[in-house]
Amino acid sequence: METIRIQFQPNLKSKILELLSSFSENEVQIIQEDPSFEKNKRILEEELKNIESGKSKCISMEELDLVMEKIISTYED
């Protein structure tokens, strides 16, 4: 199957869905888009830029575990 993304005016939604419902589920599947997709995409693109430019500091899972243990221990008491 192929996927396309379309934008339309809200008043056209019922007409588009009516047209698409004339096809079987094997022919067309309607996939609801995540409303926060664009926001998440922008955040991830910015993070990728920071990684590629060297602005972000990467640590190993072991280092992360040590940092998290230290943070957790401060709140346990």
N, C-alpha and C. Protein backbone atom coordinates (compact mmCIF):
# COMPACT_ATOMS: atom_id res chain seq x y z
N MET A 1 0.83 -1.18 0.00
CA MET A 1 0.00 0.00 0.00
C MET A 1 0.87 1.24 0.00
N GLU A 2 0.35 2.32 -0.50
CA GLU A 2 1.02 3.61 -0.47
C GLU A 2 0.26 4.52 0.47
N THR A 3 0.96 5.55 0.95
CA THR A 3 0.35 6.51 1.86
C THR A 3 0.53 7.91 1.29
N ILE A 4 -0.55 8.71 1.37
CA ILE A 4 -0.46 10.12 1.01
C ILE A 4 -1.02 10.94 2.16
N ARG A 5 -0.60 12.16 2.22
CA ARG A 5 -1.10 13.07 3.25
C ARG A 5 -1.76 14.24 2.54
N ILE A 6 -2.99 14.56 2.93
CA ILE A 6 -3.70 15.66 2.29
C ILE A 6 -4.17 16.66 3.34
N GLN A 7 -4.26 17.91 2.92
CA GLN A 7 -4.84 18.94 3.76
C GLN A 7 -6.10 19.44 3.05
N PHE A 8 -7.14 19.70 3.84
CA PHE A 8 -8.40 20.15 3.26
C PHE A 8 -9.12 21.05 4.24
N GLN A 9 -10.05 21.79 3.73
CA GLN A 9 -10.88 22.65 4.56
C GLN A 9 -11.82 21.76 5.39
N PRO A 10 -12.07 22.13 6.64
CA PRO A 10 -12.91 21.30 7.52
C PRO A 10 -14.28 20.95 6.93
N ASN A 11 -14.85 21.83 6.14
CA ASN A 11 -16.18 21.55 5.59
C ASN A 11 -16.15 20.44 4.53
N LEU A 12 -14.98 20.05 4.07
CA LEU A 12 -14.87 18.99 3.07
C LEU A 12 -14.69 17.60 3.68
N LYS A 13 -14.44 17.53 4.96
CA LYS A 13 -14.13 16.25 5.60
C LYS A 13 -15.20 15.19 5.35
N SER A 14 -16.46 15.53 5.54
CA SER A 14 -17.52 14.53 5.37
C SER A 14 -17.58 14.03 3.93
N LYS A 15 -17.36 14.91 2.96
CA LYS A 15 -17.38 14.50 1.55
C LYS A 15 -16.21 13.57 1.23
N ILE A 16 -15.05 13.91 1.76
CA ILE A 16 -13.88 13.07 1.51
C ILE A 16 -14.05 11.71 2.15
N LEU A 17 -14.54 11.68 3.40
CA LEU A 17 -14.76 10.40 4.07
C LEU A 17 -15.83 9.57 3.37
N GLU A 18 -16.85 10.23 2.85
CA GLU A 18 -17.89 9.53 2.11
C GLU A 18 -17.30 8.86 0.86
N LEU A 19 -16.46 9.59 0.15
CA LEU A 19 -15.81 9.03 -1.04
C LEU A 19 -14.92 7.85 -0.65
N LEU A 20 -14.12 8.02 0.37
CA LEU A 20 -13.20 6.96 0.78
C LEU A 20 -13.93 5.73 1.30
N SER A 21 -15.09 5.94 1.90
CA SER A 21 -15.85 4.80 2.43
C SER A 21 -16.43 3.92 1.33
N SER A 22 -16.42 4.41 0.11
CA SER A 22 -16.92 3.59 -1.00
C SER A 22 -15.93 2.50 -1.39
N PHE A 23 -14.71 2.58 -0.88
CA PHE A 23 -13.69 1.55 -1.14
C PHE A 23 -13.68 0.55 0.01
N SER A 24 -13.22 -0.66 -0.29
CA SER A 24 -13.13 -1.68 0.76
C SER A 24 -11.92 -1.38 1.66
N GLU A 25 -11.89 -2.02 2.83
CA GLU A 25 -10.77 -1.83 3.75
C GLU A 25 -9.47 -2.37 3.17
N ASN A 26 -9.58 -3.31 2.25
CA ASN A 26 -8.38 -3.84 1.59
C ASN A 26 -7.80 -2.84 0.60
N GLU A 27 -8.64 -1.92 0.12
CA GLU A 27 -8.20 -0.93 -0.87
C GLU A 27 -7.72 0.37 -0.22
N VAL A 28 -8.44 0.81 0.81
CA VAL A 28 -8.14 2.10 1.45
C VAL A 28 -8.28 1.95 2.96
N GLN A 29 -7.27 2.42 3.68
CA GLN A 29 -7.35 2.48 5.13
C GLN A 29 -7.16 3.92 5.55
N ILE A 30 -8.03 4.41 6.42
CA ILE A 30 -7.93 5.78 6.91
C ILE A 30 -7.11 5.75 8.19
N ILE A 31 -6.03 6.49 8.18
CA ILE A 31 -5.12 6.54 9.33
C ILE A 31 -5.21 7.94 9.93
N GLN A 32 -5.64 7.99 11.17
CA GLN A 32 -5.74 9.29 11.84
C GLN A 32 -4.35 9.78 12.18
N GLU A 33 -4.07 11.03 11.86
CA GLU A 33 -2.75 11.59 12.12
C GLU A 33 -2.66 12.06 13.56
N ASP A 34 -1.50 11.88 14.15
CA ASP A 34 -1.23 12.34 15.49
C ASP A 34 -1.26 13.87 15.50
N PRO A 35 -2.11 14.49 16.31
CA PRO A 35 -2.22 15.95 16.30
C PRO A 35 -0.93 16.66 16.71
N SER A 36 -0.06 15.99 17.43
CA SER A 36 1.19 16.63 17.86
C SER A 36 2.37 16.26 16.97
N PHE A 37 2.10 15.64 15.82
CA PHE A 37 3.16 15.19 14.92
C PHE A 37 4.09 16.33 14.51
N GLU A 38 3.55 17.43 14.03
CA GLU A 38 4.37 18.54 13.54
C GLU A 38 5.22 19.13 14.67
N LYS A 39 4.63 19.28 15.86
CA LYS A 39 5.37 19.81 17.01
C LYS A 39 6.54 18.88 17.36
N ASN A 40 6.25 17.57 17.43
CA ASN A 40 7.29 16.60 17.74
C ASN A 40 8.37 16.57 16.66
N LYS A 41 7.96 16.71 15.42
CA LYS A 41 8.91 16.72 14.31
C LYS A 41 9.88 17.89 14.45
N ARG A 42 9.35 19.08 14.76
CA ARG A 42 10.21 20.26 14.92
C ARG A 42 11.19 20.06 16.08
N ILE A 43 10.71 19.51 17.19
CA ILE A 43 11.57 19.27 18.35
C ILE A 43 12.69 18.31 17.99
N LEU A 44 12.35 17.22 17.31
CA LEU A 44 13.35 16.22 16.95
C LEU A 44 14.35 16.76 15.93
N GLU A 45 13.87 17.57 14.99
CA GLU A 45 14.78 18.17 14.01
C GLU A 45 15.78 19.10 14.71
N GLU A 46 15.31 19.86 15.70
CA GLU A 46 16.20 20.74 16.46
C GLU A 46 17.21 19.93 17.25
N GLU A 47 16.77 18.84 17.86
CA GLU A 47 17.68 17.97 18.60
C GLU A 47 18.73 17.37 17.68
N LEU A 48 18.33 16.96 16.48
CA LEU A 48 19.27 16.39 15.53
C LEU A 48 20.32 17.44 15.13
N LYS A 49 19.89 18.68 14.91
CA LYS A 49 20.85 19.76 14.60
C LYS A 49 21.86 19.93 15.73
N ASN A 50 21.36 19.89 16.97
CA ASN A 50 22.26 20.03 18.12
C ASN A 50 23.26 18.88 18.20
N ILE A 51 22.84 17.68 17.90
CA ILE A 51 23.73 16.53 17.92
C ILE A 51 24.77 16.67 16.82
N GLU A 52 24.32 17.00 15.61
CA GLU A 52 25.23 17.12 14.47
C GLU A 52 26.22 18.26 14.64
N SER A 53 25.81 19.34 15.30
CA SER A 53 26.69 20.49 15.48
C SER A 53 27.62 20.33 16.69
N GLY A 54 27.37 19.33 17.51
CA GLY A 54 28.20 19.12 18.69
C GLY A 54 27.71 19.86 19.93
N LYS A 55 26.57 20.55 19.83
CA LYS A 55 26.03 21.28 20.99
C LYS A 55 25.52 20.33 22.07
N SER A 56 25.03 19.15 21.67
CA SER A 56 24.49 18.19 22.62
C SER A 56 25.61 17.30 23.14
N LYS A 57 25.53 16.97 24.41
CA LYS A 57 26.50 16.07 25.01
C LYS A 57 25.86 14.69 25.10
N CYS A 58 26.50 13.71 24.56
CA CYS A 58 25.99 12.34 24.60
C CYS A 58 26.71 11.58 25.72
N ILE A 59 25.94 10.74 26.40
CA ILE A 59 26.52 9.90 27.44
C ILE A 59 26.07 8.47 27.22
N SER A 60 26.82 7.54 27.81
CA SER A 60 26.47 6.12 27.69
C SER A 60 25.31 5.79 28.63
N MET A 61 24.74 4.63 28.43
CA MET A 61 23.66 4.17 29.31
C MET A 61 24.17 4.00 30.74
N GLU A 62 25.42 3.56 30.88
CA GLU A 62 26.00 3.39 32.20
C GLU A 62 26.13 4.74 32.91
N GLU A 63 26.59 5.76 32.17
CA GLU A 63 26.69 7.10 32.75
C GLU A 63 25.32 7.64 33.14
N LEU A 64 24.33 7.42 32.29
CA LEU A 64 22.97 7.85 32.59
C LEU A 64 22.46 7.17 33.85
N ASP A 65 22.73 5.88 33.98
CA ASP A 65 22.30 5.13 35.15
C ASP A 65 22.90 5.72 36.43
N LEU A 66 24.19 6.07 36.37
CA LEU A 66 24.84 6.66 37.54
C LEU A 66 24.22 8.02 37.89
N VAL A 67 23.97 8.84 36.90
CA VAL A 67 23.36 10.15 37.13
C VAL A 67 21.97 9.99 37.72
N MET A 68 21.19 9.08 37.17
CA MET A 68 19.82 8.86 37.65
C MET A 68 19.82 8.32 39.07
N GLU A 69 20.72 7.41 39.38
CA GLU A 69 20.82 6.88 40.74
C GLU A 69 21.13 8.00 41.74
N LYS A 70 22.02 8.91 41.34
CA LYS A 70 22.38 10.03 42.21
C LYS A 70 21.18 10.93 42.45
N ILE A 71 20.43 11.22 41.39
CA ILE A 71 19.24 12.08 41.51
C ILE A 71 18.18 11.40 42.37
N ILE A 72 17.94 10.14 42.12
CA ILE A 72 16.92 9.40 42.89
C ILE A 72 17.29 9.34 44.37
N SER A 73 18.56 9.12 44.64
CA SER A 73 19.00 9.00 46.04
C SER A 73 18.79 10.30 46.81
N THR A 74 18.86 11.44 46.14
CA THR A 74 18.64 12.72 46.84
C THR A 74 17.18 12.87 47.27
N TYR A 75 16.26 12.22 46.61
CA TYR A 75 14.83 12.35 46.93
C TYR A 75 14.32 11.20 47.79
N GLU A 76 15.11 10.17 48.00
CA GLU A 76 14.66 9.02 48.79
C GLU A 76 14.63 9.31 50.28
N ASP A 77 15.46 10.18 50.75
CA ASP A 77 15.57 10.43 52.20
C ASP A 77 14.51 11.37 52.68
